[in-house]
Amino acid sequence: MYMRETLDAFGKMSPEELRLAAYELAMAGQCGLNLKDAETTYQLRCLSGESTAMRIVSSMYAAFQLIMPGTDVGIDLSREYQLAKTGG
């Protein structure tokens, strides 16, 4: 769900906007994100509304795959990314 939303949003961005979004997402992850905590939310400029840690990590994975395919962001969401790209 997060991955599909992210790909839709990032598909409308210019390459520069996408790079800025990837940077913002990476910086949000620098402080550590608890993927099991669905209650804590974050506000980021590159994502509309409030975001959970899982949404941030999913979005960061997608952004880096769009910019530099194969980049290791510390979590493997390749299956989810491929499903979202193919509409599955």
PDB file of N, CA and C in Angstrom:
ATOM      1  N   MET A   1       0.825  -1.183   0.000  1.00  0.00           N
ATOM      2  CA  MET A   1       0.000   0.000   0.000  1.00  0.00           C
ATOM      3  C   MET A   1       0.879   1.262   0.000  1.00  0.00           C
ATOM      4  N   TYR A   2       1.826   1.350   0.934  1.00  0.00           N
ATOM      5  CA  TYR A   2       2.697   2.520   0.990  1.00  0.00           C
ATOM      6  C   TYR A   2       3.545   2.638  -0.268  1.00  0.00           C
ATOM      7  N   MET A   3       4.031   1.508  -0.730  1.00  0.00           N
ATOM      8  CA  MET A   3       4.916   1.513  -1.891  1.00  0.00           C
ATOM      9  C   MET A   3       4.175   2.020  -3.130  1.00  0.00           C
ATOM     10  N   ARG A   4       2.946   1.566  -3.328  1.00  0.00           N
ATOM     11  CA  ARG A   4       2.159   1.996  -4.492  1.00  0.00           C
ATOM     12  C   ARG A   4       1.874   3.491  -4.415  1.00  0.00           C
ATOM     13  N   GLU A   5       1.470   3.981  -3.246  1.00  0.00           N
ATOM     14  CA  GLU A   5       1.229   5.422  -3.049  1.00  0.00           C
ATOM     15  C   GLU A   5       2.479   6.224  -3.375  1.00  0.00           C
ATOM     16  N   THR A   6       3.593   5.738  -2.885  1.00  0.00           N
ATOM     17  CA  THR A   6       4.861   6.430  -3.084  1.00  0.00           C
ATOM     18  C   THR A   6       5.245   6.473  -4.556  1.00  0.00           C
ATOM     19  N   LEU A   7       5.139   5.355  -5.229  1.00  0.00           N
ATOM     20  CA  LEU A   7       5.488   5.326  -6.649  1.00  0.00           C
ATOM     21  C   LEU A   7       4.588   6.262  -7.452  1.00  0.00           C
ATOM     22  N   ASP A   8       3.317   6.326  -7.101  1.00  0.00           N
ATOM     23  CA  ASP A   8       2.414   7.256  -7.781  1.00  0.00           C
ATOM     24  C   ASP A   8       2.847   8.699  -7.560  1.00  0.00           C
ATOM     25  N   ALA A   9       3.150   9.050  -6.310  1.00  0.00           N
ATOM     26  CA  ALA A   9       3.557  10.425  -5.983  1.00  0.00           C
ATOM     27  C   ALA A   9       4.911  10.764  -6.609  1.00  0.00           C
ATOM     28  N   PHE A  10       5.869   9.854  -6.497  1.00  0.00           N
ATOM     29  CA  PHE A  10       7.207  10.131  -7.009  1.00  0.00           C
ATOM     30  C   PHE A  10       7.229  10.162  -8.529  1.00  0.00           C
ATOM     31  N   GLY A  11       6.295   9.482  -9.168  1.00  0.00           N
ATOM     32  CA  GLY A  11       6.213   9.489 -10.619  1.00  0.00           C
ATOM     33  C   GLY A  11       5.854  10.851 -11.184  1.00  0.00           C
ATOM     34  N   LYS A  12       5.304  11.720 -10.341  1.00  0.00           N
ATOM     35  CA  LYS A  12       4.918  13.062 -10.759  1.00  0.00           C
ATOM     36  C   LYS A  12       6.002  14.099 -10.470  1.00  0.00           C
ATOM     37  N   MET A  13       7.103  13.663  -9.854  1.00  0.00           N
ATOM     38  CA  MET A  13       8.172  14.586  -9.459  1.00  0.00           C
ATOM     39  C   MET A  13       9.245  14.676 -10.536  1.00  0.00           C
ATOM     40  N   SER A  14       9.897  15.829 -10.578  1.00  0.00           N
ATOM     41  CA  SER A  14      11.071  15.990 -11.433  1.00  0.00           C
ATOM     42  C   SER A  14      12.230  15.212 -10.799  1.00  0.00           C
ATOM     43  N   PRO A  15      13.283  14.938 -11.555  1.00  0.00           N
ATOM     44  CA  PRO A  15      14.436  14.250 -10.970  1.00  0.00           C
ATOM     45  C   PRO A  15      15.007  14.989  -9.752  1.00  0.00           C
ATOM     46  N   GLU A  16      15.035  16.308  -9.801  1.00  0.00           N
ATOM     47  CA  GLU A  16      15.558  17.078  -8.663  1.00  0.00           C
ATOM     48  C   GLU A  16      14.644  16.945  -7.445  1.00  0.00           C
ATOM     49  N   GLU A  17      13.346  17.021  -7.652  1.00  0.00           N
ATOM     50  CA  GLU A  17      12.397  16.850  -6.542  1.00  0.00           C
ATOM     51  C   GLU A  17      12.522  15.451  -5.935  1.00  0.00           C
ATOM     52  N   LEU A  18      12.726  14.458  -6.771  1.00  0.00           N
ATOM     53  CA  LEU A  18      12.887  13.086  -6.290  1.00  0.00           C
ATOM     54  C   LEU A  18      14.163  12.956  -5.459  1.00  0.00           C
ATOM     55  N   ARG A  19      15.244  13.561  -5.896  1.00  0.00           N
ATOM     56  CA  ARG A  19      16.499  13.530  -5.124  1.00  0.00           C
ATOM     57  C   ARG A  19      16.309  14.207  -3.770  1.00  0.00           C
ATOM     58  N   LEU A  20      15.615  15.335  -3.753  1.00  0.00           N
ATOM     59  CA  LEU A  20      15.357  16.029  -2.485  1.00  0.00           C
ATOM     60  C   LEU A  20      14.479  15.184  -1.562  1.00  0.00           C
ATOM     61  N   ALA A  21      13.495  14.508  -2.129  1.00  0.00           N
ATOM     62  CA  ALA A  21      12.628  13.637  -1.332  1.00  0.00           C
ATOM     63  C   ALA A  21      13.444  12.483  -0.742  1.00  0.00           C
ATOM     64  N   ALA A  22      14.297  11.872  -1.547  1.00  0.00           N
ATOM     65  CA  ALA A  22      15.136  10.770  -1.067  1.00  0.00           C
ATOM     66  C   ALA A  22      16.034  11.245   0.069  1.00  0.00           C
ATOM     67  N   TYR A  23      16.592  12.431  -0.069  1.00  0.00           N
ATOM     68  CA  TYR A  23      17.454  12.984   0.987  1.00  0.00           C
ATOM     69  C   TYR A  23      16.647  13.208   2.264  1.00  0.00           C
ATOM     70  N   GLU A  24      15.462  13.800   2.148  1.00  0.00           N
ATOM     71  CA  GLU A  24      14.633  14.050   3.328  1.00  0.00           C
ATOM     72  C   GLU A  24      14.263  12.730   4.018  1.00  0.00           C
ATOM     73  N   LEU A  25      13.908  11.723   3.240  1.00  0.00           N
ATOM     74  CA  LEU A  25      13.557  10.426   3.807  1.00  0.00           C
ATOM     75  C   LEU A  25      14.744   9.780   4.500  1.00  0.00           C
ATOM     76  N   ALA A  26      15.917   9.859   3.883  1.00  0.00           N
ATOM     77  CA  ALA A  26      17.123   9.290   4.487  1.00  0.00           C
ATOM     78  C   ALA A  26      17.458  10.003   5.793  1.00  0.00           C
ATOM     79  N   MET A  27      17.305  11.309   5.813  1.00  0.00           N
ATOM     80  CA  MET A  27      17.587  12.069   7.035  1.00  0.00           C
ATOM     81  C   MET A  27      16.599  11.711   8.142  1.00  0.00           C
ATOM     82  N   ALA A  28      15.357  11.466   7.795  1.00  0.00           N
ATOM     83  CA  ALA A  28      14.361  11.063   8.801  1.00  0.00           C
ATOM     84  C   ALA A  28      14.763   9.737   9.440  1.00  0.00           C
ATOM     85  N   GLY A  29      15.371   8.872   8.670  1.00  0.00           N
ATOM     86  CA  GLY A  29      15.790   7.574   9.183  1.00  0.00           C
ATOM     87  C   GLY A  29      17.062   7.610  10.003  1.00  0.00           C
ATOM     88  N   GLN A  30      17.806   8.699   9.950  1.00  0.00           N
ATOM     89  CA  GLN A  30      19.069   8.814  10.689  1.00  0.00           C
ATOM     90  C   GLN A  30      18.881   8.710  12.200  1.00  0.00           C
ATOM     91  N   CYS A  31      17.756   9.141  12.699  1.00  0.00           N
ATOM     92  CA  CYS A  31      17.492   9.118  14.149  1.00  0.00           C
ATOM     93  C   CYS A  31      16.965   7.762  14.601  1.00  0.00           C
ATOM     94  N   GLY A  32      16.726   6.881  13.663  1.00  0.00           N
ATOM     95  CA  GLY A  32      16.188   5.566  13.988  1.00  0.00           C
ATOM     96  C   GLY A  32      14.673   5.576  13.909  1.00  0.00           C
ATOM     97  N   LEU A  33      14.136   4.561  13.298  1.00  0.00           N
ATOM     98  CA  LEU A  33      12.692   4.424  13.153  1.00  0.00           C
ATOM     99  C   LEU A  33      12.288   3.047  13.640  1.00  0.00           C
ATOM    100  N   ASN A  34      11.265   2.992  14.463  1.00  0.00           N
ATOM    101  CA  ASN A  34      10.756   1.721  14.967  1.00  0.00           C
ATOM    102  C   ASN A  34       9.643   1.255  14.047  1.00  0.00           C
ATOM    103  N   LEU A  35       9.927   0.277  13.221  1.00  0.00           N
ATOM    104  CA  LEU A  35       8.962  -0.194  12.234  1.00  0.00           C
ATOM    105  C   LEU A  35       7.739  -0.858  12.865  1.00  0.00           C
ATOM    106  N   LYS A  36       7.853  -1.265  14.107  1.00  0.00           N
ATOM    107  CA  LYS A  36       6.730  -1.909  14.796  1.00  0.00           C
ATOM    108  C   LYS A  36       5.800  -0.894  15.462  1.00  0.00           C
ATOM    109  N   ASP A  37       6.208   0.355  15.499  1.00  0.00           N
ATOM    110  CA  ASP A  37       5.410   1.407  16.140  1.00  0.00           C
ATOM    111  C   ASP A  37       4.519   2.074  15.098  1.00  0.00           C
ATOM    112  N   ALA A  38       3.253   1.723  15.099  1.00  0.00           N
ATOM    113  CA  ALA A  38       2.307   2.293  14.133  1.00  0.00           C
ATOM    114  C   ALA A  38       1.612   3.539  14.685  1.00  0.00           C
ATOM    115  N   GLU A  39       1.910   3.886  15.930  1.00  0.00           N
ATOM    116  CA  GLU A  39       1.248   5.040  16.542  1.00  0.00           C
ATOM    117  C   GLU A  39       2.017   6.341  16.364  1.00  0.00           C
ATOM    118  N   THR A  40       3.332   6.275  16.397  1.00  0.00           N
ATOM    119  CA  THR A  40       4.146   7.481  16.221  1.00  0.00           C
ATOM    120  C   THR A  40       4.123   7.878  14.761  1.00  0.00           C
ATOM    121  N   THR A  41       3.862   9.145  14.520  1.00  0.00           N
ATOM    122  CA  THR A  41       3.828   9.629  13.139  1.00  0.00           C
ATOM    123  C   THR A  41       4.786  10.799  12.970  1.00  0.00           C
ATOM    124  N   TYR A  42       5.132  11.047  11.729  1.00  0.00           N
ATOM    125  CA  TYR A  42       6.089  12.083  11.362  1.00  0.00           C
ATOM    126  C   TYR A  42       5.497  12.922  10.243  1.00  0.00           C
ATOM    127  N   GLN A  43       5.904  14.163  10.162  1.00  0.00           N
ATOM    128  CA  GLN A  43       5.504  15.055   9.072  1.00  0.00           C
ATOM    129  C   GLN A  43       6.724  15.302   8.200  1.00  0.00           C
ATOM    130  N   LEU A  44       6.604  14.983   6.934  1.00  0.00           N
ATOM    131  CA  LEU A  44       7.683  15.228   5.981  1.00  0.00           C
ATOM    132  C   LEU A  44       7.135  16.042   4.826  1.00  0.00           C
ATOM    133  N   ARG A  45       7.964  16.899   4.275  1.00  0.00           N
ATOM    134  CA  ARG A  45       7.528  17.725   3.144  1.00  0.00           C
ATOM    135  C   ARG A  45       7.232  16.885   1.901  1.00  0.00           C
ATOM    136  N   CYS A  46       7.977  15.808   1.722  1.00  0.00           N
ATOM    137  CA  CYS A  46       7.848  15.028   0.486  1.00  0.00           C
ATOM    138  C   CYS A  46       6.669  14.053   0.502  1.00  0.00           C
ATOM    139  N   LEU A  47       6.045  13.852   1.650  1.00  0.00           N
ATOM    140  CA  LEU A  47       4.901  12.945   1.760  1.00  0.00           C
ATOM    141  C   LEU A  47       3.722  13.700   2.348  1.00  0.00           C
ATOM    142  N   SER A  48       2.569  13.551   1.742  1.00  0.00           N
ATOM    143  CA  SER A  48       1.400  14.252   2.265  1.00  0.00           C
ATOM    144  C   SER A  48       0.885  13.547   3.519  1.00  0.00           C
ATOM    145  N   GLY A  49       0.348  14.327   4.434  1.00  0.00           N
ATOM    146  CA  GLY A  49      -0.220  13.775   5.659  1.00  0.00           C
ATOM    147  C   GLY A  49       0.834  13.294   6.631  1.00  0.00           C
ATOM    148  N   GLU A  50       0.383  12.530   7.599  1.00  0.00           N
ATOM    149  CA  GLU A  50       1.281  11.979   8.602  1.00  0.00           C
ATOM    150  C   GLU A  50       1.817  10.638   8.127  1.00  0.00           C
ATOM    151  N   SER A  51       3.053  10.344   8.499  1.00  0.00           N
ATOM    152  CA  SER A  51       3.710   9.117   8.042  1.00  0.00           C
ATOM    153  C   SER A  51       4.195   8.290   9.214  1.00  0.00           C
ATOM    154  N   THR A  52       3.958   6.997   9.146  1.00  0.00           N
ATOM    155  CA  THR A  52       4.534   6.077  10.119  1.00  0.00           C
ATOM    156  C   THR A  52       5.953   5.740   9.688  1.00  0.00           C
ATOM    157  N   ALA A  53       6.677   5.085  10.573  1.00  0.00           N
ATOM    158  CA  ALA A  53       8.046   4.665  10.246  1.00  0.00           C
ATOM    159  C   ALA A  53       8.046   3.733   9.034  1.00  0.00           C
ATOM    160  N   MET A  54       7.072   2.840   8.958  1.00  0.00           N
ATOM    161  CA  MET A  54       7.020   1.914   7.824  1.00  0.00           C
ATOM    162  C   MET A  54       6.793   2.655   6.517  1.00  0.00           C
ATOM    163  N   ARG A  55       5.945   3.676   6.536  1.00  0.00           N
ATOM    164  CA  ARG A  55       5.728   4.460   5.320  1.00  0.00           C
ATOM    165  C   ARG A  55       7.007   5.178   4.904  1.00  0.00           C
ATOM    166  N   ILE A  56       7.727   5.710   5.868  1.00  0.00           N
ATOM    167  CA  ILE A  56       8.978   6.417   5.572  1.00  0.00           C
ATOM    168  C   ILE A  56      10.003   5.460   4.959  1.00  0.00           C
ATOM    169  N   VAL A  57      10.157   4.294   5.553  1.00  0.00           N
ATOM    170  CA  VAL A  57      11.134   3.325   5.045  1.00  0.00           C
ATOM    171  C   VAL A  57      10.722   2.823   3.660  1.00  0.00           C
ATOM    172  N   SER A  58       9.442   2.553   3.471  1.00  0.00           N
ATOM    173  CA  SER A  58       8.956   2.117   2.158  1.00  0.00           C
ATOM    174  C   SER A  58       9.212   3.185   1.105  1.00  0.00           C
ATOM    175  N   SER A  59       8.945   4.425   1.470  1.00  0.00           N
ATOM    176  CA  SER A  59       9.140   5.538   0.540  1.00  0.00           C
ATOM    177  C   SER A  59      10.619   5.746   0.241  1.00  0.00           C
ATOM    178  N   MET A  60      11.455   5.603   1.264  1.00  0.00           N
ATOM    179  CA  MET A  60      12.892   5.753   1.057  1.00  0.00           C
ATOM    180  C   MET A  60      13.400   4.662   0.115  1.00  0.00           C
ATOM    181  N   TYR A  61      12.948   3.436   0.320  1.00  0.00           N
ATOM    182  CA  TYR A  61      13.357   2.343  -0.559  1.00  0.00           C
ATOM    183  C   TYR A  61      12.963   2.658  -1.997  1.00  0.00           C
ATOM    184  N   ALA A  62      11.719   3.060  -2.201  1.00  0.00           N
ATOM    185  CA  ALA A  62      11.235   3.362  -3.550  1.00  0.00           C
ATOM    186  C   ALA A  62      12.031   4.501  -4.180  1.00  0.00           C
ATOM    187  N   ALA A  63      12.268   5.559  -3.423  1.00  0.00           N
ATOM    188  CA  ALA A  63      12.999   6.712  -3.957  1.00  0.00           C
ATOM    189  C   ALA A  63      14.391   6.309  -4.421  1.00  0.00           C
ATOM    190  N   PHE A  64      15.096   5.550  -3.596  1.00  0.00           N
ATOM    191  CA  PHE A  64      16.443   5.165  -3.978  1.00  0.00           C
ATOM    192  C   PHE A  64      16.454   4.178  -5.137  1.00  0.00           C
ATOM    193  N   GLN A  65      15.450   3.333  -5.240  1.00  0.00           N
ATOM    194  CA  GLN A  65      15.386   2.416  -6.385  1.00  0.00           C
ATOM    195  C   GLN A  65      15.118   3.181  -7.678  1.00  0.00           C
ATOM    196  N   LEU A  66      14.351   4.256  -7.593  1.00  0.00           N
ATOM    197  CA  LEU A  66      14.094   5.076  -8.776  1.00  0.00           C
ATOM    198  C   LEU A  66      15.327   5.872  -9.199  1.00  0.00           C
ATOM    199  N   ILE A  67      16.096   6.331  -8.219  1.00  0.00           N
ATOM    200  CA  ILE A  67      17.288   7.140  -8.510  1.00  0.00           C
ATOM    201  C   ILE A  67      18.476   6.252  -8.877  1.00  0.00           C
ATOM    202  N   MET A  68      18.737   5.256  -8.029  1.00  0.00           N
ATOM    203  CA  MET A  68      19.884   4.367  -8.199  1.00  0.00           C
ATOM    204  C   MET A  68      19.441   2.933  -7.944  1.00  0.00           C
ATOM    205  N   PRO A  69      18.876   2.268  -8.953  1.00  0.00           N
ATOM    206  CA  PRO A  69      18.390   0.896  -8.762  1.00  0.00           C
ATOM    207  C   PRO A  69      19.460  -0.004  -8.142  1.00  0.00           C
ATOM    208  N   GLY A  70      19.010  -0.827  -7.200  1.00  0.00           N
ATOM    209  CA  GLY A  70      19.923  -1.760  -6.540  1.00  0.00           C
ATOM    210  C   GLY A  70      20.551  -1.215  -5.278  1.00  0.00           C
ATOM    211  N   THR A  71      20.293   0.040  -4.943  1.00  0.00           N
ATOM    212  CA  THR A  71      20.866   0.635  -3.740  1.00  0.00           C
ATOM    213  C   THR A  71      20.381  -0.105  -2.496  1.00  0.00           C
ATOM    214  N   ASP A  72      21.311  -0.418  -1.583  1.00  0.00           N
ATOM    215  CA  ASP A  72      20.971  -1.066  -0.322  1.00  0.00           C
ATOM    216  C   ASP A  72      20.656   0.023   0.697  1.00  0.00           C
ATOM    217  N   VAL A  73      19.404   0.091   1.128  1.00  0.00           N
ATOM    218  CA  VAL A  73      19.006   1.104   2.110  1.00  0.00           C
ATOM    219  C   VAL A  73      18.906   0.519   3.511  1.00  0.00           C
ATOM    220  N   GLY A  74      19.335  -0.726   3.674  1.00  0.00           N
ATOM    221  CA  GLY A  74      19.348  -1.332   4.988  1.00  0.00           C
ATOM    222  C   GLY A  74      18.161  -2.234   5.274  1.00  0.00           C
ATOM    223  N   ILE A  75      17.211  -2.271   4.378  1.00  0.00           N
ATOM    224  CA  ILE A  75      16.056  -3.162   4.518  1.00  0.00           C
ATOM    225  C   ILE A  75      15.662  -3.601   3.113  1.00  0.00           C
ATOM    226  N   ASP A  76      15.362  -4.868   2.975  1.00  0.00           N
ATOM    227  CA  ASP A  76      15.032  -5.399   1.647  1.00  0.00           C
ATOM    228  C   ASP A  76      13.522  -5.387   1.429  1.00  0.00           C
ATOM    229  N   LEU A  77      13.084  -4.444   0.632  1.00  0.00           N
ATOM    230  CA  LEU A  77      11.676  -4.362   0.252  1.00  0.00           C
ATOM    231  C   LEU A  77      11.529  -4.580  -1.255  1.00  0.00           C
ATOM    232  N   SER A  78      12.459  -5.345  -1.821  1.00  0.00           N
ATOM    233  CA  SER A  78      12.451  -5.550  -3.267  1.00  0.00           C
ATOM    234  C   SER A  78      11.182  -6.249  -3.748  1.00  0.00           C
ATOM    235  N   ARG A  79      10.694  -7.187  -2.985  1.00  0.00           N
ATOM    236  CA  ARG A  79       9.471  -7.889  -3.380  1.00  0.00           C
ATOM    237  C   ARG A  79       8.287  -6.926  -3.404  1.00  0.00           C
ATOM    238  N   GLU A  80       8.146  -6.145  -2.360  1.00  0.00           N
ATOM    239  CA  GLU A  80       7.056  -5.174  -2.274  1.00  0.00           C
ATOM    240  C   GLU A  80       7.177  -4.122  -3.368  1.00  0.00           C
ATOM    241  N   TYR A  81       8.402  -3.720  -3.658  1.00  0.00           N
ATOM    242  CA  TYR A  81       8.653  -2.730  -4.704  1.00  0.00           C
ATOM    243  C   TYR A  81       8.227  -3.284  -6.063  1.00  0.00           C
ATOM    244  N   GLN A  82       8.617  -4.512  -6.368  1.00  0.00           N
ATOM    245  CA  GLN A  82       8.252  -5.109  -7.645  1.00  0.00           C
ATOM    246  C   GLN A  82       6.733  -5.292  -7.773  1.00  0.00           C
ATOM    247  N   LEU A  83       6.103  -5.719  -6.696  1.00  0.00           N
ATOM    248  CA  LEU A  83       4.634  -5.864  -6.701  1.00  0.00           C
ATOM    249  C   LEU A  83       3.960  -4.531  -6.966  1.00  0.00           C
ATOM    250  N   ALA A  84       4.446  -3.480  -6.321  1.00  0.00           N
ATOM    251  CA  ALA A  84       3.847  -2.148  -6.514  1.00  0.00           C
ATOM    252  C   ALA A  84       4.066  -1.646  -7.938  1.00  0.00           C
ATOM    253  N   LYS A  85       5.250  -1.917  -8.494  1.00  0.00           N
ATOM    254  CA  LYS A  85       5.526  -1.480  -9.867  1.00  0.00           C
ATOM    255  C   LYS A  85       4.654  -2.186 -10.894  1.00  0.00           C
ATOM    256  N   THR A  86       4.350  -3.439 -10.632  1.00  0.00           N
ATOM    257  CA  THR A  86       3.563  -4.213 -11.591  1.00  0.00           C
ATOM    258  C   THR A  86       2.065  -4.166 -11.305  1.00  0.00           C
ATOM    259  N   GLY A  87       1.696  -3.462 -10.227  1.00  0.00           N
ATOM    260  CA  GLY A  87       0.281  -3.341  -9.896  1.00  0.00           C
ATOM    261  C   GLY A  87      -0.276  -4.549  -9.165  1.00  0.00           C
ATOM    262  N   GLY A  88       0.606  -5.397  -8.639  1.00  0.00           N
ATOM    263  CA  GLY A  88       0.171  -6.629  -7.965  1.00  0.00           C
ATOM    264  C   GLY A  88      -0.184  -6.498  -6.553  1.00  0.00           C
TER     265      GLY A  88
END
